[in-house]
Amino acid sequence: MHLVRPPGVYPPQGDTELLASCVRREPLDDSSRVLDLCTGTGAVALVAARTGARVTAVDLSARAVATAWVNSRLHHRRVRVRRGDLLAPVTGRTYDLVTANPPYVPVRAGAAAAGRGAALAWDAGPDGRLVLDRICREVPGLLAHGGVLLVVQSSLADIRATLCLLRAAGLRTGVAARRRQAFGPVMTARAALFEQRGLIRPGRREEELVVVRGVRER
């Protein structure tokens, strides 16, 4: 899929592809309501929109919002694009599917909790869970009965914590997909930090990506 991506907008990568593959397995149709959080270029939102689903895409970055809007027009897909902090633009609505590719890269203690510019797409506090924890707390209340949450993250940001938080929120949870991949530039630059914290073995330069799937029982 060809997408416009100006500087400062997170490019579709392995985590995007893994999340999109899970979206394709969901039984969506023109009656489905889909919310794509941290949309970036809108790549995952467009995969959902191809099914005819009614899709809303949200991002905190104004540049990402503009990019997702342009890409939806280029691909002739109807996607509502909104700028805001996670669920703020969609208060009071419910969805059959919520997808999220949030920031999940740990930062050095004492650094700003969230980055600026392009770093907004990956900096996620000392444990990498600044946005993941909010998604686990806030999204279950937006799911319709039988609704599904799909969230992609790295093994460096504590997969078990995501599963436990979503179960505590009443969702039936599991890992829908896994993928191992070599570190990209951002992760490589922080490899020494990850080794120091015991998140990776010395010399290791790969991570496991997972998509956690949570279902609100009917």
Protein backbone atom coordinates (compact mmCIF):
# COMPACT_ATOMS: atom_id res chain seq x y z
CA MET A 1 0.00 0.00 0.00
CA HIS A 2 1.50 3.32 -1.04
CA LEU A 3 1.24 5.92 1.70
CA VAL A 4 2.31 9.54 1.96
CA ARG A 5 4.61 9.97 4.97
CA PRO A 6 6.19 13.36 5.64
CA PRO A 7 9.11 13.75 8.07
CA GLY A 8 8.02 13.49 11.70
CA VAL A 9 5.28 10.89 11.12
CA TYR A 10 5.85 7.30 12.24
CA PRO A 11 6.43 5.09 9.20
CA PRO A 12 4.61 1.76 8.84
CA GLN A 13 6.97 -0.91 10.16
CA GLY A 14 6.89 -4.46 11.50
CA ASP A 15 4.48 -3.57 14.29
CA THR A 16 2.13 -1.92 11.79
CA GLU A 17 2.19 -5.00 9.55
CA LEU A 18 1.56 -7.35 12.48
CA LEU A 19 -1.40 -5.31 13.71
CA ALA A 20 -2.83 -5.00 10.18
CA SER A 21 -2.64 -8.78 9.71
CA CYS A 22 -4.79 -9.24 12.81
CA VAL A 23 -7.31 -6.63 11.64
CA ARG A 24 -7.74 -8.59 8.41
CA ARG A 25 -8.83 -11.62 10.44
CA GLU A 26 -11.64 -9.77 12.22
CA PRO A 27 -15.17 -10.20 10.77
CA LEU A 28 -15.77 -6.58 9.78
CA ASP A 29 -18.47 -5.28 7.45
CA ASP A 30 -20.29 -2.05 6.68
CA SER A 31 -22.10 -2.16 10.04
CA SER A 32 -18.85 -2.32 12.05
CA ARG A 33 -17.59 0.65 14.03
CA VAL A 34 -13.79 0.83 14.24
CA LEU A 35 -11.49 3.15 16.19
CA ASP A 36 -7.78 3.31 15.31
CA LEU A 37 -5.70 4.96 18.03
CA CYS A 38 -2.21 6.41 17.44
CA THR A 39 -2.99 6.16 13.74
CA GLY A 40 0.21 7.71 12.33
CA THR A 41 -0.08 7.48 8.55
CA GLY A 42 -3.50 5.85 8.87
CA ALA A 43 -2.22 2.51 7.53
CA VAL A 44 -4.21 0.32 9.95
CA ALA A 45 -7.31 2.50 9.65
CA LEU A 46 -7.21 2.00 5.88
CA VAL A 47 -7.02 -1.79 6.25
CA ALA A 48 -10.20 -1.66 8.34
CA ALA A 49 -11.87 0.80 5.96
CA ARG A 50 -11.41 -1.61 3.04
CA THR A 51 -14.07 -3.84 4.62
CA GLY A 52 -16.63 -1.04 4.45
CA ALA A 53 -16.45 -0.48 8.21
CA ARG A 54 -17.06 2.98 9.64
CA VAL A 55 -13.58 3.99 10.80
CA THR A 56 -12.40 6.80 13.05
CA ALA A 57 -8.66 7.45 13.34
CA VAL A 58 -7.11 9.46 16.19
CA ASP A 59 -3.62 10.81 16.80
CA LEU A 60 -2.10 13.41 19.11
CA SER A 61 0.19 14.70 16.35
CA ALA A 62 -1.29 17.33 14.04
CA ARG A 63 1.10 16.23 11.30
CA ALA A 64 -0.02 12.60 11.65
CA VAL A 65 -3.68 13.62 11.52
CA ALA A 66 -3.10 15.57 8.31
CA THR A 67 -1.16 12.64 6.85
CA ALA A 68 -3.87 10.09 7.69
CA TRP A 69 -6.49 12.37 6.13
CA VAL A 70 -4.47 12.71 2.91
CA ASN A 71 -3.88 8.95 2.72
CA SER A 72 -7.56 8.18 3.21
CA ARG A 73 -8.37 10.45 0.26
CA LEU A 74 -5.63 9.01 -1.91
CA HIS A 75 -7.03 5.51 -1.33
CA HIS A 76 -10.65 6.64 -1.67
CA ARG A 77 -11.60 5.38 1.79
CA ARG A 78 -13.96 7.09 4.20
CA VAL A 79 -12.09 7.59 7.47
CA ARG A 80 -13.00 10.19 10.10
CA VAL A 81 -9.70 11.62 11.32
CA ARG A 82 -9.52 13.43 14.64
CA ARG A 83 -6.72 15.02 16.61
CA GLY A 84 -6.63 14.45 20.34
CA ASP A 85 -5.28 12.58 23.33
CA LEU A 86 -6.37 8.95 22.91
CA LEU A 87 -10.11 8.74 23.61
CA ALA A 88 -10.78 12.44 24.17
CA PRO A 89 -12.18 13.01 20.63
CA VAL A 90 -14.59 10.05 20.84
CA THR A 91 -16.09 10.37 24.31
CA GLY A 92 -19.46 8.64 24.64
CA ARG A 93 -19.10 6.41 21.58
CA THR A 94 -18.78 2.62 21.44
CA TYR A 95 -16.88 0.46 18.95
CA ASP A 96 -16.85 -3.08 17.64
CA LEU A 97 -13.08 -2.96 17.12
CA VAL A 98 -10.41 -0.71 18.63
CA THR A 99 -6.87 -0.93 17.28
CA ALA A 100 -3.77 0.71 18.73
CA ASN A 101 -0.08 0.96 17.86
CA PRO A 102 0.97 3.15 20.78
CA PRO A 103 4.39 4.35 21.90
CA TYR A 104 6.07 1.54 23.87
CA VAL A 105 9.83 2.23 23.92
CA PRO A 106 11.32 2.74 27.43
CA VAL A 107 13.25 5.96 28.03
CA ARG A 108 16.06 6.72 30.45
CA ALA A 109 14.94 7.62 33.99
CA GLY A 110 14.74 11.37 34.37
CA ALA A 111 14.07 11.93 30.67
CA ALA A 112 10.82 13.53 29.59
CA ALA A 113 8.00 10.98 29.85
CA ALA A 114 6.95 11.56 26.25
CA GLY A 115 9.05 12.79 23.37
CA ARG A 116 8.45 15.60 20.95
CA GLY A 117 8.00 15.53 17.20
CA ALA A 118 8.56 12.08 15.77
CA ALA A 119 9.54 10.74 19.22
CA LEU A 120 5.90 11.07 20.29
CA ALA A 121 5.38 7.85 18.34
CA TRP A 122 7.79 5.78 20.44
CA ASP A 123 8.87 7.39 23.76
CA ALA A 124 6.71 5.91 26.51
CA GLY A 125 8.16 6.57 29.94
CA PRO A 126 10.76 4.59 31.92
CA ASP A 127 8.92 1.27 31.58
CA GLY A 128 7.44 1.82 28.11
CA ARG A 129 3.92 1.70 29.48
CA LEU A 130 2.92 5.38 29.62
CA VAL A 131 0.26 4.96 26.93
CA LEU A 132 -0.26 1.19 27.12
CA ASP A 133 -1.56 1.42 30.69
CA ARG A 134 -4.02 4.13 29.70
CA ILE A 135 -5.30 2.03 26.81
CA CYS A 136 -5.79 -0.94 29.13
CA ARG A 137 -7.75 1.19 31.59
CA GLU A 138 -9.79 3.33 29.21
CA VAL A 139 -10.57 1.33 26.08
CA PRO A 140 -12.59 -1.57 27.60
CA GLY A 141 -15.39 0.88 28.48
CA LEU A 142 -15.71 1.85 24.79
CA LEU A 143 -16.14 -1.69 23.49
CA ALA A 144 -19.58 -2.84 22.42
CA HIS A 145 -20.71 -6.27 23.63
CA GLY A 146 -18.51 -8.71 21.74
CA GLY A 147 -16.17 -5.86 20.85
CA VAL A 148 -12.46 -6.46 20.31
CA LEU A 149 -9.30 -4.54 21.25
CA LEU A 150 -6.12 -5.21 19.27
CA VAL A 151 -2.97 -3.54 20.64
CA VAL A 152 0.57 -4.13 19.42
CA GLN A 153 3.61 -3.76 21.65
CA SER A 154 7.18 -4.91 22.27
CA SER A 155 8.25 -7.57 24.73
CA LEU A 156 10.40 -4.84 26.34
CA ALA A 157 7.21 -3.15 27.60
CA ASP A 158 5.89 -6.09 29.68
CA ILE A 159 3.37 -8.11 27.71
CA ARG A 160 2.12 -9.81 30.88
CA ALA A 161 1.12 -6.45 32.36
CA THR A 162 -1.10 -5.74 29.34
CA LEU A 163 -2.77 -9.13 29.58
CA CYS A 164 -3.37 -8.78 33.32
CA LEU A 165 -4.77 -5.25 33.11
CA LEU A 166 -7.18 -6.18 30.33
CA ARG A 167 -8.35 -9.27 32.20
CA ALA A 168 -8.90 -7.13 35.28
CA ALA A 169 -11.05 -4.86 33.11
CA GLY A 170 -13.26 -7.83 32.21
CA LEU A 171 -11.87 -8.74 28.81
CA ARG A 172 -11.05 -12.24 27.61
CA THR A 173 -7.46 -11.88 26.49
CA GLY A 174 -4.72 -13.66 24.60
CA VAL A 175 -1.85 -13.08 22.19
CA ALA A 176 -3.18 -13.01 18.64
CA ALA A 177 0.15 -12.76 16.80
CA ARG A 178 3.89 -12.73 17.45
CA ARG A 179 6.90 -11.61 15.45
CA ARG A 180 10.61 -11.40 16.20
CA GLN A 181 12.57 -8.67 14.51
CA ALA A 182 15.94 -6.97 14.67
CA PHE A 183 16.20 -3.64 16.45
CA GLY A 184 15.65 -0.58 14.33
CA PRO A 185 17.58 2.69 14.82
CA VAL A 186 15.59 3.85 17.89
CA MET A 187 15.93 0.56 19.77
CA THR A 188 19.58 0.14 18.77
CA ALA A 189 20.41 3.59 20.15
CA ARG A 190 18.96 2.51 23.53
CA ALA A 191 20.33 -1.03 23.61
CA ALA A 192 22.82 -0.20 26.38
CA LEU A 193 19.97 1.14 28.51
CA PHE A 194 17.94 -2.01 27.92
CA GLU A 195 20.91 -4.17 28.89
CA GLN A 196 21.46 -2.13 32.04
CA ARG A 197 17.86 -2.67 33.08
CA GLY A 198 17.92 -6.37 32.28
CA LEU A 199 15.33 -6.04 29.52
CA ILE A 200 17.64 -7.80 27.03
CA ARG A 201 20.65 -10.05 27.35
CA PRO A 202 24.06 -8.48 26.64
CA GLY A 203 24.61 -8.29 22.91
CA ARG A 204 21.01 -9.07 22.01
CA ARG A 205 19.62 -6.76 19.35
CA GLU A 206 16.15 -8.08 18.65
CA GLU A 207 12.70 -7.86 20.19
CA GLU A 208 9.48 -9.79 20.06
CA LEU A 209 6.41 -7.90 18.91
CA VAL A 210 3.00 -9.16 19.94
CA VAL A 211 -0.59 -8.22 19.27
CA VAL A 212 -2.70 -8.62 22.39
CA ARG A 213 -6.37 -9.31 21.67
CA GLY A 214 -9.04 -8.54 24.25
CA VAL A 215 -12.73 -9.34 23.82
CA ARG A 216 -15.63 -7.91 25.80
CA GLU A 217 -17.91 -10.89 26.37
CA ARG A 218 -21.47 -10.59 25.19
